[in-house]
Protein backbone atom coordinates (compact mmCIF):
# COMPACT_ATOMS: atom_id res chain seq x y z
CA UNK A 1 0.08 0.47 -0.26
CA UNK A 2 1.37 3.29 -1.46
CA UNK A 3 0.62 6.30 1.16
CA UNK A 4 2.21 9.49 1.88
CA UNK A 5 1.40 12.21 4.07
CA UNK A 6 2.45 15.77 4.21
CA UNK A 7 2.49 16.84 7.79
CA UNK A 8 2.19 20.56 7.06
CA UNK A 9 -0.85 20.55 5.14
CA UNK A 10 -3.94 22.55 6.24
CA UNK A 11 -5.91 19.05 5.34
CA UNK A 12 -5.79 17.00 8.17
CA UNK A 13 -3.77 13.73 7.96
CA UNK A 14 -7.18 11.11 9.01
CA UNK A 15 -8.43 13.18 5.98
CA UNK A 16 -5.47 12.68 3.53
CA UNK A 17 -5.32 8.63 4.56
CA UNK A 18 -9.08 8.30 3.67
CA UNK A 19 -8.89 9.58 0.36
CA UNK A 20 -5.55 7.87 -0.45
CA UNK A 21 -6.94 4.35 0.55
CA UNK A 22 -9.90 4.53 -0.60
CA UNK A 23 -9.01 5.76 -4.53
CA UNK A 24 -6.22 2.50 -4.40
CA UNK A 25 -9.51 0.42 -3.63
CA UNK A 26 -11.86 2.05 -6.21
CA UNK A 27 -9.25 1.86 -8.66
CA UNK A 28 -8.46 -1.86 -7.81
CA UNK A 29 -4.57 -1.27 -6.47
CA UNK A 30 -5.65 -2.44 -3.79
CA UNK A 31 -7.79 -6.03 -4.46
CA UNK A 32 -10.66 -7.51 -2.32
CA UNK A 33 -9.40 -8.92 0.80
CA UNK A 34 -6.08 -7.59 0.92
CA UNK A 35 -4.45 -7.07 3.99
CA UNK A 36 -3.82 -3.79 5.36
CA UNK A 37 -1.17 -3.03 7.81
CA UNK A 38 -1.39 -2.85 11.03
CA UNK A 39 -2.75 -0.06 13.41
CA UNK A 40 0.76 -0.11 14.99
CA UNK A 41 2.87 -0.70 11.90
CA UNK A 42 1.12 2.09 9.80
CA UNK A 43 1.50 4.52 12.73
CA UNK A 44 5.29 3.77 12.81
CA UNK A 45 5.96 3.84 9.58
CA UNK A 46 4.17 6.94 8.85
CA UNK A 47 5.39 8.34 12.30
CA UNK A 48 2.15 9.26 13.58
CA UNK A 49 -0.31 8.32 16.37
CA UNK A 50 -1.77 5.02 15.97
CA UNK A 51 -5.59 6.66 17.29
CA UNK A 52 -5.06 8.52 13.49
CA UNK A 53 -4.93 4.96 11.69
CA UNK A 54 -7.59 3.43 14.07
CA UNK A 55 -10.11 6.61 13.04
CA UNK A 56 -8.85 5.94 9.22
CA UNK A 57 -9.82 2.28 9.59
CA UNK A 58 -12.59 2.71 11.44
CA UNK A 59 -14.63 5.62 8.84
CA UNK A 60 -13.55 2.74 5.95
CA UNK A 61 -15.04 -0.08 7.93
CA UNK A 62 -18.19 2.20 8.78
CA UNK A 63 -18.70 2.61 4.88
CA UNK A 64 -18.29 -0.72 4.23
CA UNK A 65 -15.03 -0.60 2.61
CA UNK A 66 -12.75 -2.10 4.90
CA UNK A 67 -12.80 -5.69 7.03
CA UNK A 68 -11.92 -5.14 10.11
CA UNK A 69 -11.60 -9.26 12.01
CA UNK A 70 -10.40 -10.52 14.76
CA UNK A 71 -6.87 -12.42 15.01
CA UNK A 72 -6.38 -11.68 11.07
CA UNK A 73 -5.81 -7.62 10.99
CA UNK A 74 -7.52 -5.09 8.84
CA UNK A 75 -8.63 -6.28 5.00
CA UNK A 76 -10.17 -4.60 2.00
CA UNK A 77 -13.76 -6.00 2.07
CA UNK A 78 -15.13 -9.37 0.15
CA UNK A 79 -16.39 -9.51 -3.08
CA UNK A 80 -18.98 -12.02 -3.38
CA UNK A 81 -17.43 -14.69 -5.58
CA UNK A 82 -19.49 -13.91 -8.93
CA UNK A 83 -17.16 -10.66 -8.98
CA UNK A 84 -14.14 -12.39 -9.30
CA UNK A 85 -12.42 -13.88 -12.54
CA UNK A 86 -10.95 -17.02 -12.96
CA UNK A 87 -7.79 -17.62 -13.29
CA UNK A 88 -6.20 -18.39 -16.58
CA UNK A 89 -3.56 -20.65 -14.93
CA UNK A 90 -3.85 -23.78 -13.17
CA UNK A 91 -2.39 -24.42 -9.78
CA UNK A 92 0.84 -26.13 -11.63
CA UNK A 93 0.89 -23.02 -13.33
CA UNK A 94 0.26 -23.96 -16.40
CA UNK A 95 -2.38 -21.74 -18.94
CA UNK A 96 -6.22 -22.81 -19.08
CA UNK A 97 -8.12 -22.49 -21.70
CA UNK A 98 -11.37 -20.80 -21.87
CA UNK A 99 -13.10 -24.70 -21.87
CA UNK A 100 -11.22 -25.51 -19.18
CA UNK A 101 -12.02 -23.01 -16.45
CA UNK A 102 -15.43 -23.10 -17.88
CA UNK A 103 -15.31 -26.97 -17.11
CA UNK A 104 -13.86 -26.39 -13.97
CA UNK A 105 -16.20 -23.27 -12.68
CA UNK A 106 -19.22 -25.98 -13.82
CA UNK A 107 -17.61 -28.56 -11.71
CA UNK A 108 -17.21 -26.83 -8.67
CA UNK A 109 -20.73 -25.70 -9.15
CA UNK A 110 -22.38 -28.92 -9.68
CA UNK A 111 -20.33 -30.37 -6.65
CA UNK A 112 -21.83 -27.72 -4.02
CA UNK A 113 -25.27 -28.26 -5.29
CA UNK A 114 -24.54 -32.43 -5.18
CA UNK A 115 -23.88 -31.98 -1.29
CA UNK A 116 -26.92 -29.97 -1.55
CA UNK A 117 -28.92 -32.92 -1.61
CA UNK A 118 -30.14 -31.61 -5.24
CA UNK A 119 -30.53 -33.94 -8.06
CA UNK A 120 -29.07 -33.23 -11.65
CA UNK A 121 -32.92 -32.42 -13.03
CA UNK A 122 -33.75 -29.78 -10.26
CA UNK A 123 -30.67 -28.07 -10.97
CA UNK A 124 -31.69 -27.88 -15.00
CA UNK A 125 -35.09 -26.98 -14.22
CA UNK A 126 -33.92 -24.65 -12.02
CA UNK A 127 -31.38 -23.08 -14.33
CA UNK A 128 -34.02 -23.09 -17.45
CA UNK A 129 -36.27 -20.72 -15.48
CA UNK A 130 -33.97 -18.52 -14.32
CA UNK A 131 -33.20 -17.78 -17.62
CA UNK A 132 -36.68 -17.85 -18.73
CA UNK A 133 -37.16 -15.10 -15.66
CA UNK A 134 -35.04 -12.87 -16.97
CA UNK A 135 -36.14 -9.30 -18.93
CA UNK A 136 -34.22 -7.70 -21.67
CA UNK A 137 -32.07 -4.94 -20.19
CA UNK A 138 -33.59 -1.57 -20.87
CA UNK A 139 -31.14 1.33 -19.18
CA UNK A 140 -28.29 1.55 -17.41
CA UNK A 141 -27.94 2.37 -13.67
CA UNK A 142 -25.29 4.09 -11.87
CA UNK A 143 -25.18 3.83 -8.31
CA UNK A 144 -23.19 6.28 -6.30
CA UNK A 145 -24.37 7.53 -2.99
CA UNK A 146 -22.74 11.22 -3.67
CA UNK A 147 -26.01 12.75 -5.91
CA UNK A 148 -23.27 15.78 -7.19
CA UNK A 149 -21.16 12.78 -8.91
CA UNK A 150 -24.10 11.50 -10.95
CA UNK A 151 -23.46 13.94 -13.81
CA UNK A 152 -20.07 13.24 -14.24
CA UNK A 153 -21.03 9.76 -14.52
CA UNK A 154 -23.59 10.55 -17.28
CA UNK A 155 -21.39 12.70 -19.14
CA UNK A 156 -18.60 9.82 -19.86
CA UNK A 157 -21.16 7.11 -20.11
CA UNK A 158 -23.81 8.40 -22.41
CA UNK A 159 -21.80 8.86 -25.45
CA UNK A 160 -20.83 5.25 -25.39
CA UNK A 161 -23.89 3.37 -25.18
CA UNK A 162 -27.29 2.80 -27.17
CA UNK A 163 -29.14 2.18 -23.80
CA UNK A 164 -30.47 5.05 -21.67
CA UNK A 165 -28.30 5.91 -18.57
CA UNK A 166 -29.25 7.46 -15.40
CA UNK A 167 -28.21 7.56 -11.91
CA UNK A 168 -29.38 6.83 -8.11
CA UNK A 169 -28.30 6.96 -4.84
CA UNK A 170 -27.25 3.70 -2.86
CA UNK A 171 -30.79 4.50 -0.88
CA UNK A 172 -32.73 4.57 -3.68
CA UNK A 173 -31.41 1.64 -5.07
CA UNK A 174 -32.35 -0.65 -1.42
CA UNK A 175 -35.99 1.13 -1.77
CA UNK A 176 -36.13 0.03 -5.42
CA UNK A 177 -34.36 -3.14 -5.47
CA UNK A 178 -37.19 -4.87 -8.71
CA UNK A 179 -35.05 -1.78 -10.60
CA UNK A 180 -32.35 -4.59 -10.97
CA UNK A 181 -35.11 -6.62 -13.17
CA UNK A 182 -34.37 -4.66 -16.33
CA UNK A 183 -31.28 -2.77 -15.73
CA UNK A 184 -27.84 -3.08 -15.63
CA UNK A 185 -26.33 -1.76 -12.18
CA UNK A 186 -22.99 0.09 -12.38
CA UNK A 187 -20.86 0.96 -9.78
CA UNK A 188 -17.17 2.04 -8.46
CA UNK A 189 -15.94 -0.60 -5.90
CA UNK A 190 -15.80 2.18 -3.38
CA UNK A 191 -19.45 2.00 -3.07
CA UNK A 192 -20.08 -1.80 -4.17
CA UNK A 193 -19.41 -3.41 -1.00
CA UNK A 194 -22.60 -1.12 0.61
CA UNK A 195 -25.44 -2.75 -1.45
CA UNK A 196 -24.22 -6.11 -2.86
CA UNK A 197 -25.92 -8.68 -1.14
CA UNK A 198 -28.71 -6.74 -2.43
CA UNK A 199 -27.78 -7.81 -5.80
CA UNK A 200 -29.67 -11.63 -6.80
CA UNK A 201 -28.62 -11.77 -10.23
CA UNK A 202 -25.09 -11.23 -10.49
CA UNK A 203 -24.73 -10.82 -14.13
CA UNK A 204 -26.69 -7.44 -13.90
CA UNK A 205 -24.05 -6.04 -11.87
CA UNK A 206 -20.24 -4.53 -13.43
CA UNK A 207 -18.24 -3.28 -10.56
CA UNK A 208 -15.75 -0.84 -12.57
CA UNK A 209 -12.21 0.38 -11.02
CA UNK A 210 -12.13 4.49 -10.74
CA UNK A 211 -9.31 6.57 -13.10
CA UNK A 212 -6.22 6.39 -9.86
CA UNK A 213 -5.71 10.03 -11.72
CA UNK A 214 -1.57 8.73 -11.53
CA UNK A 215 -0.51 10.77 -14.76
CA UNK A 216 -2.34 13.99 -13.00
CA UNK A 217 -0.68 13.78 -9.65
CA UNK A 218 2.51 13.25 -11.78
CA UNK A 219 1.91 16.63 -12.93
CA UNK A 220 1.15 17.90 -9.65
CA UNK A 221 4.61 16.18 -8.44
CA UNK A 222 6.41 18.30 -11.02
CA UNK A 223 5.13 21.88 -10.57
CA UNK A 224 7.12 24.39 -8.78
CA UNK A 225 6.62 25.58 -5.37
CA UNK A 226 4.55 28.61 -5.19
CA UNK A 227 1.94 27.92 -7.73
CA UNK A 228 -1.25 27.89 -7.98
CA UNK A 229 -3.15 24.56 -9.08
CA UNK A 230 -6.78 25.22 -9.58
CA UNK A 231 -9.90 22.77 -9.85
CA UNK A 232 -12.55 22.80 -11.70
CA UNK A 233 -15.81 20.37 -11.36
CA UNK A 234 -19.05 19.94 -11.49
CA UNK A 235 -19.25 18.02 -8.52
CA UNK A 236 -17.78 19.56 -5.25
CA UNK A 237 -16.93 16.30 -3.75
CA UNK A 238 -14.96 15.54 -6.41
CA UNK A 239 -13.50 18.62 -5.81
CA UNK A 240 -12.82 17.83 -1.82
CA UNK A 241 -11.69 14.67 -2.49
CA UNK A 242 -8.75 15.70 -4.98
CA UNK A 243 -7.60 18.37 -3.08
CA UNK A 244 -6.97 15.85 0.27
CA UNK A 245 -4.90 13.79 -2.45
CA UNK A 246 -2.38 17.44 -3.56
CA UNK A 247 -2.33 18.35 -0.23
CA UNK A 248 -1.10 14.67 0.79
CA UNK A 249 1.47 15.20 -1.62
CA UNK A 250 2.39 18.80 -1.46
CA UNK A 251 1.13 20.02 1.14
CA UNK A 252 1.04 23.80 1.79
CA UNK A 253 4.17 24.25 -0.98
CA UNK A 254 1.44 24.41 -3.92
CA UNK A 255 -1.50 26.74 -3.33
CA UNK A 256 -5.37 25.41 -4.69
CA UNK A 257 -7.98 26.65 -6.01
CA UNK A 258 -11.49 24.65 -5.96
CA UNK A 259 -14.55 26.26 -7.81
CA UNK A 260 -17.42 24.77 -9.33
CA UNK A 261 -18.35 24.68 -12.94
CA UNK A 262 -21.37 26.96 -12.31
CA UNK A 263 -19.27 29.48 -11.23
CA UNK A 264 -18.48 31.19 -14.38
CA UNK A 265 -16.90 34.41 -13.48
CA UNK A 266 -14.96 33.04 -10.62
CA UNK A 267 -13.16 30.41 -12.60
CA UNK A 268 -11.99 32.42 -15.77
CA UNK A 269 -10.57 35.11 -13.87
CA UNK A 270 -9.05 32.56 -11.20
CA UNK A 271 -7.66 30.58 -15.10
CA UNK A 272 -5.47 33.67 -16.02
CA UNK A 273 -3.52 33.24 -13.09
CA UNK A 274 -3.41 29.28 -12.60
CA UNK A 275 -0.49 27.40 -13.13
CA UNK A 276 -1.94 24.20 -13.76
CA UNK A 277 -5.55 23.73 -14.17
CA UNK A 278 -7.30 19.94 -13.50
CA UNK A 279 -11.20 19.57 -14.75
CA UNK A 280 -13.48 17.20 -14.85
CA UNK A 281 -15.22 15.36 -18.01
CA UNK A 282 -18.50 17.60 -17.38
CA UNK A 283 -16.23 21.09 -17.27
CA UNK A 284 -14.15 19.71 -20.36
CA UNK A 285 -16.00 21.28 -22.82
CA UNK A 286 -16.42 24.24 -21.54
CA UNK A 287 -12.58 24.81 -19.83
CA UNK A 288 -11.18 23.70 -23.09
CA UNK A 289 -12.93 26.07 -25.56
CA UNK A 290 -12.08 28.66 -22.77
CA UNK A 291 -8.10 28.47 -22.79
CA UNK A 292 -7.32 30.34 -25.49
CA UNK A 293 -3.49 31.27 -24.00
CA UNK A 294 -2.75 27.48 -23.93
CA UNK A 295 -2.95 26.91 -20.41
CA UNK A 296 -1.87 23.43 -18.89
CA UNK A 297 -5.49 21.97 -18.38
CA UNK A 298 -5.68 18.31 -17.68
CA UNK A 299 -9.26 16.77 -17.56
CA UNK A 300 -9.25 13.78 -15.76
CA UNK A 301 -11.42 11.22 -15.63
CA UNK A 302 -13.80 8.24 -13.49
CA UNK A 303 -14.24 5.96 -16.18
CA UNK A 304 -11.34 4.20 -18.01
CA UNK A 305 -11.47 2.91 -21.77
CA UNK A 306 -11.29 -0.98 -20.03
CA UNK A 307 -14.81 0.36 -18.26
CA UNK A 308 -16.54 1.25 -20.58
CA UNK A 309 -15.23 -2.20 -22.74
CA UNK A 310 -16.21 -4.23 -19.34
CA UNK A 311 -19.79 -2.85 -19.64
CA UNK A 312 -19.91 -3.06 -23.19
CA UNK A 313 -18.82 -6.99 -23.19
CA UNK A 314 -21.53 -7.31 -20.24
CA UNK A 315 -24.59 -5.76 -22.67
CA UNK A 316 -23.46 -7.79 -25.32
CA UNK A 317 -23.03 -10.95 -23.96
CA UNK A 318 -25.21 -11.06 -20.64
CA UNK A 319 -28.14 -8.30 -22.28
């Protein structure tokens, strides 16, 4: 786990750690069930009080993305087996064909059914009923607990799909889980742990990695001391997260100004004085159009091309 903190920053060390660990989980850098350093080990490594690490781990456990297990430490929350990609190698390390992987998964499933006391006929009848009840996909539904993230998701997803795309909160989904009947649910790993148990048909659920913003943070690391970095976004939550990541890297060494896209006069004025401009996908077109002087503008996205391809593949094969 790669973590850095800046003790001179106005942003609390707790917030710096929460954002970094969250991003590493959401981007897939930390995988499900990965073990995190112990509270005392991480505190010693970062030279901070162990109570700060305790607070961070407890917060991330409360939102469902970490599990604190008695006797086995702190781990990233578990994903259901349906989300685990089959290994391309067998136990000896040799490559396995798709057919061989499928045979292995089917055999494991049938053994479980057999041990449960089911007959082959019962399993086949249930499978036929399951397939027959599936409704054709009519929409893509993004689940994100932050409402001000919704339009960012929609901006990035809508141009890539013929199906309509909508966004809802976790609470909206829990109050109406039947929405899954004709929808493909898309969410980030950060939110998945909080509601995955509500999803019965896991083929209608696509957990996606969030872009880790490595290129953008590299540029932040290179910029000279005393520079002004401006963050423009339609999402206040996204700006807060980004500013905490920058604070962990640069502290008070650079100035950071966060401005909502809707505050047009404010960001256009600040634009002229900024040394580096970061903007989300929803702000990209307007900011790029305004950038007549060739300022350094780095648009950042939630979804990578791999994420778009993953959703397209699921629609094609299981829609």
